[in-house]
Protein backbone atom coordinates (compact mmCIF):
# COMPACT_ATOMS: atom_id res chain seq x y z
CA UNK A 1 -1.41 9.29 9.66
CA UNK A 2 2.05 7.72 9.67
CA UNK A 3 2.65 5.91 6.39
CA UNK A 4 5.41 3.79 4.89
CA UNK A 5 6.05 3.98 1.15
CA UNK A 6 8.31 2.25 -1.32
CA UNK A 7 8.52 1.42 -4.98
CA UNK A 8 10.63 -0.27 -7.55
CA UNK A 9 12.15 1.47 -10.56
CA UNK A 10 8.86 1.31 -12.52
CA UNK A 11 6.95 3.01 -9.71
CA UNK A 12 9.67 5.44 -8.64
CA UNK A 13 8.25 8.60 -10.26
CA UNK A 14 4.70 7.90 -9.08
CA UNK A 15 5.97 7.19 -5.56
CA UNK A 16 7.80 10.53 -5.51
CA UNK A 17 4.63 12.37 -6.58
CA UNK A 18 2.54 10.58 -3.97
CA UNK A 19 5.04 11.20 -1.16
CA UNK A 20 4.80 14.94 -1.86
CA UNK A 21 1.01 14.79 -2.14
CA UNK A 22 0.65 12.96 1.16
CA UNK A 23 3.09 15.18 3.03
CA UNK A 24 1.28 18.25 1.72
CA UNK A 25 -1.94 16.70 3.10
CA UNK A 26 -0.34 16.49 6.56
CA UNK A 27 0.65 12.83 6.69
CA UNK A 28 3.98 11.67 8.05
CA UNK A 29 5.59 9.59 5.32
CA UNK A 30 8.62 7.35 5.69
CA UNK A 31 10.07 6.73 2.24
CA UNK A 32 11.74 3.33 2.29
CA UNK A 33 13.18 3.85 -1.19
CA UNK A 34 14.60 3.44 -3.61
CA UNK A 35 16.30 6.81 -3.97
CA UNK A 36 16.72 6.60 -7.76
CA UNK A 37 14.95 5.01 -10.70
CA UNK A 38 17.79 2.52 -11.23
CA UNK A 39 16.62 -1.08 -11.58
CA UNK A 40 15.87 -2.77 -8.26
CA UNK A 41 14.08 -5.91 -7.11
CA UNK A 42 10.59 -5.04 -5.85
CA UNK A 43 10.42 -7.79 -3.17
CA UNK A 44 13.20 -6.05 -1.23
CA UNK A 45 11.19 -2.83 -0.97
CA UNK A 46 7.84 -4.55 -0.43
CA UNK A 47 9.42 -6.32 2.55
CA UNK A 48 10.62 -3.06 4.10
CA UNK A 49 7.14 -1.56 4.08
CA UNK A 50 5.44 -4.82 5.01
CA UNK A 51 7.63 -5.25 8.08
CA UNK A 52 7.10 -1.61 9.08
CA UNK A 53 3.33 -2.15 8.97
CA UNK A 54 3.44 -5.52 10.74
CA UNK A 55 5.76 -4.17 13.46
CA UNK A 56 3.62 -1.06 14.03
CA UNK A 57 6.29 1.39 12.89
CA UNK A 58 3.70 2.83 10.48
CA UNK A 59 -0.09 2.65 10.43
CA UNK A 60 -0.42 1.73 6.75
CA UNK A 61 1.79 1.09 3.77
CA UNK A 62 1.70 2.17 0.14
CA UNK A 63 3.72 0.42 -2.56
CA UNK A 64 4.14 1.29 -6.23
CA UNK A 65 5.53 -0.86 -9.03
CA UNK A 66 4.65 -1.24 -12.69
CA UNK A 67 1.35 -3.00 -12.00
CA UNK A 68 1.20 -3.21 -8.21
CA UNK A 69 0.79 -6.96 -8.50
CA UNK A 70 4.32 -8.01 -7.56
CA UNK A 71 4.45 -5.63 -4.62
CA UNK A 72 1.14 -6.99 -3.28
CA UNK A 73 2.24 -10.60 -3.64
CA UNK A 74 5.59 -9.96 -1.96
CA UNK A 75 4.26 -7.93 0.96
CA UNK A 76 1.50 -10.45 1.63
CA UNK A 77 4.19 -12.98 2.53
CA UNK A 78 4.81 -11.03 5.75
CA UNK A 79 2.73 -12.07 8.76
CA UNK A 80 0.23 -9.35 9.63
CA UNK A 81 0.11 -7.77 6.18
CA UNK A 82 -3.10 -7.62 4.18
CA UNK A 83 -2.05 -5.98 0.92
CA UNK A 84 -4.44 -5.19 -1.90
CA UNK A 85 -3.51 -4.37 -5.48
CA UNK A 86 -6.00 -1.62 -6.28
CA UNK A 87 -6.82 0.16 -9.55
CA UNK A 88 -9.94 2.13 -8.59
CA UNK A 89 -11.12 4.23 -5.65
CA UNK A 90 -14.09 1.91 -5.17
CA UNK A 91 -11.81 -1.10 -4.77
CA UNK A 92 -9.70 0.86 -2.25
CA UNK A 93 -12.81 1.53 -0.18
CA UNK A 94 -13.85 -2.12 -0.30
CA UNK A 95 -10.34 -3.34 0.50
CA UNK A 96 -10.46 -1.30 3.70
CA UNK A 97 -14.12 -1.89 4.61
CA UNK A 98 -14.26 -5.61 3.94
CA UNK A 99 -10.66 -6.85 4.19
CA UNK A 100 -9.04 -4.38 6.60
CA UNK A 101 -6.23 -3.97 4.06
CA UNK A 102 -3.23 -2.29 5.67
CA UNK A 103 -1.01 -2.09 2.58
CA UNK A 104 -2.03 -0.58 -0.74
CA UNK A 105 -0.24 -1.65 -3.92
CA UNK A 106 -0.54 0.73 -6.88
CA UNK A 107 0.36 0.71 -10.55
CA UNK A 108 2.84 3.32 -11.68
CA UNK A 109 2.47 2.40 -15.35
CA UNK A 110 -1.20 1.65 -16.00
CA UNK A 111 -3.04 3.98 -13.63
CA UNK A 112 -2.68 7.76 -13.97
CA UNK A 113 -1.56 9.98 -11.10
CA UNK A 114 -4.97 11.59 -10.55
CA UNK A 115 -6.63 8.19 -10.16
CA UNK A 116 -3.86 6.95 -7.87
CA UNK A 117 -4.43 10.00 -5.66
CA UNK A 118 -8.14 9.18 -5.48
CA UNK A 119 -7.28 5.58 -4.63
CA UNK A 120 -4.91 6.69 -1.86
CA UNK A 121 -7.47 9.13 -0.48
CA UNK A 122 -10.14 6.41 -0.36
CA UNK A 123 -7.70 3.94 1.24
CA UNK A 124 -6.73 6.39 3.97
CA UNK A 125 -10.24 7.72 4.64
CA UNK A 126 -12.01 4.38 4.94
CA UNK A 127 -12.27 2.46 8.18
CA UNK A 128 -12.70 -1.29 8.53
CA UNK A 129 -16.41 -2.10 8.80
CA UNK A 130 -15.91 -4.99 11.23
CA UNK A 131 -19.10 -6.93 11.87
CA UNK A 132 -19.49 -9.90 9.56
CA UNK A 133 -16.18 -9.01 7.90
CA UNK A 134 -14.17 -9.42 11.11
CA UNK A 135 -14.61 -13.19 11.18
CA UNK A 136 -13.48 -13.42 7.55
CA UNK A 137 -10.41 -11.28 8.15
CA UNK A 138 -9.55 -13.45 11.16
CA UNK A 139 -9.80 -16.54 8.96
CA UNK A 140 -7.36 -14.90 6.53
CA UNK A 141 -4.96 -14.14 9.36
CA UNK A 142 -5.26 -17.69 10.66
CA UNK A 143 -3.86 -18.92 7.33
CA UNK A 144 -0.49 -17.54 8.37
């Protein structure tokens, strides 16, 4: 799968670990930055990944900041993005099944690497269930 990833300074190290993990698993990963752990503003990087997802440059996006909250809020401002801030594999599955989430926002400070890997695996392996959820997702998209 072709993925877009980005972080802020608080998520930089976790992003780097996940980029390697995903590439080793055979995914094509575009790293939208940053390239160092110097302080940056997370909305700038959330926008890069959000636009890449919305424009079809990548299939899904993964963002990492201290909590994942700011990245999710910022990327959800982009038409076509359905970002979910996820802290457990079960929530990742539900975000895909029920909400057709196309951007995953992770915590680099409060969730350990092993759990984040499980979250990413669930997010990438789960398909949208459609059915009764499709109408709800369409209502979300109509809010834009």
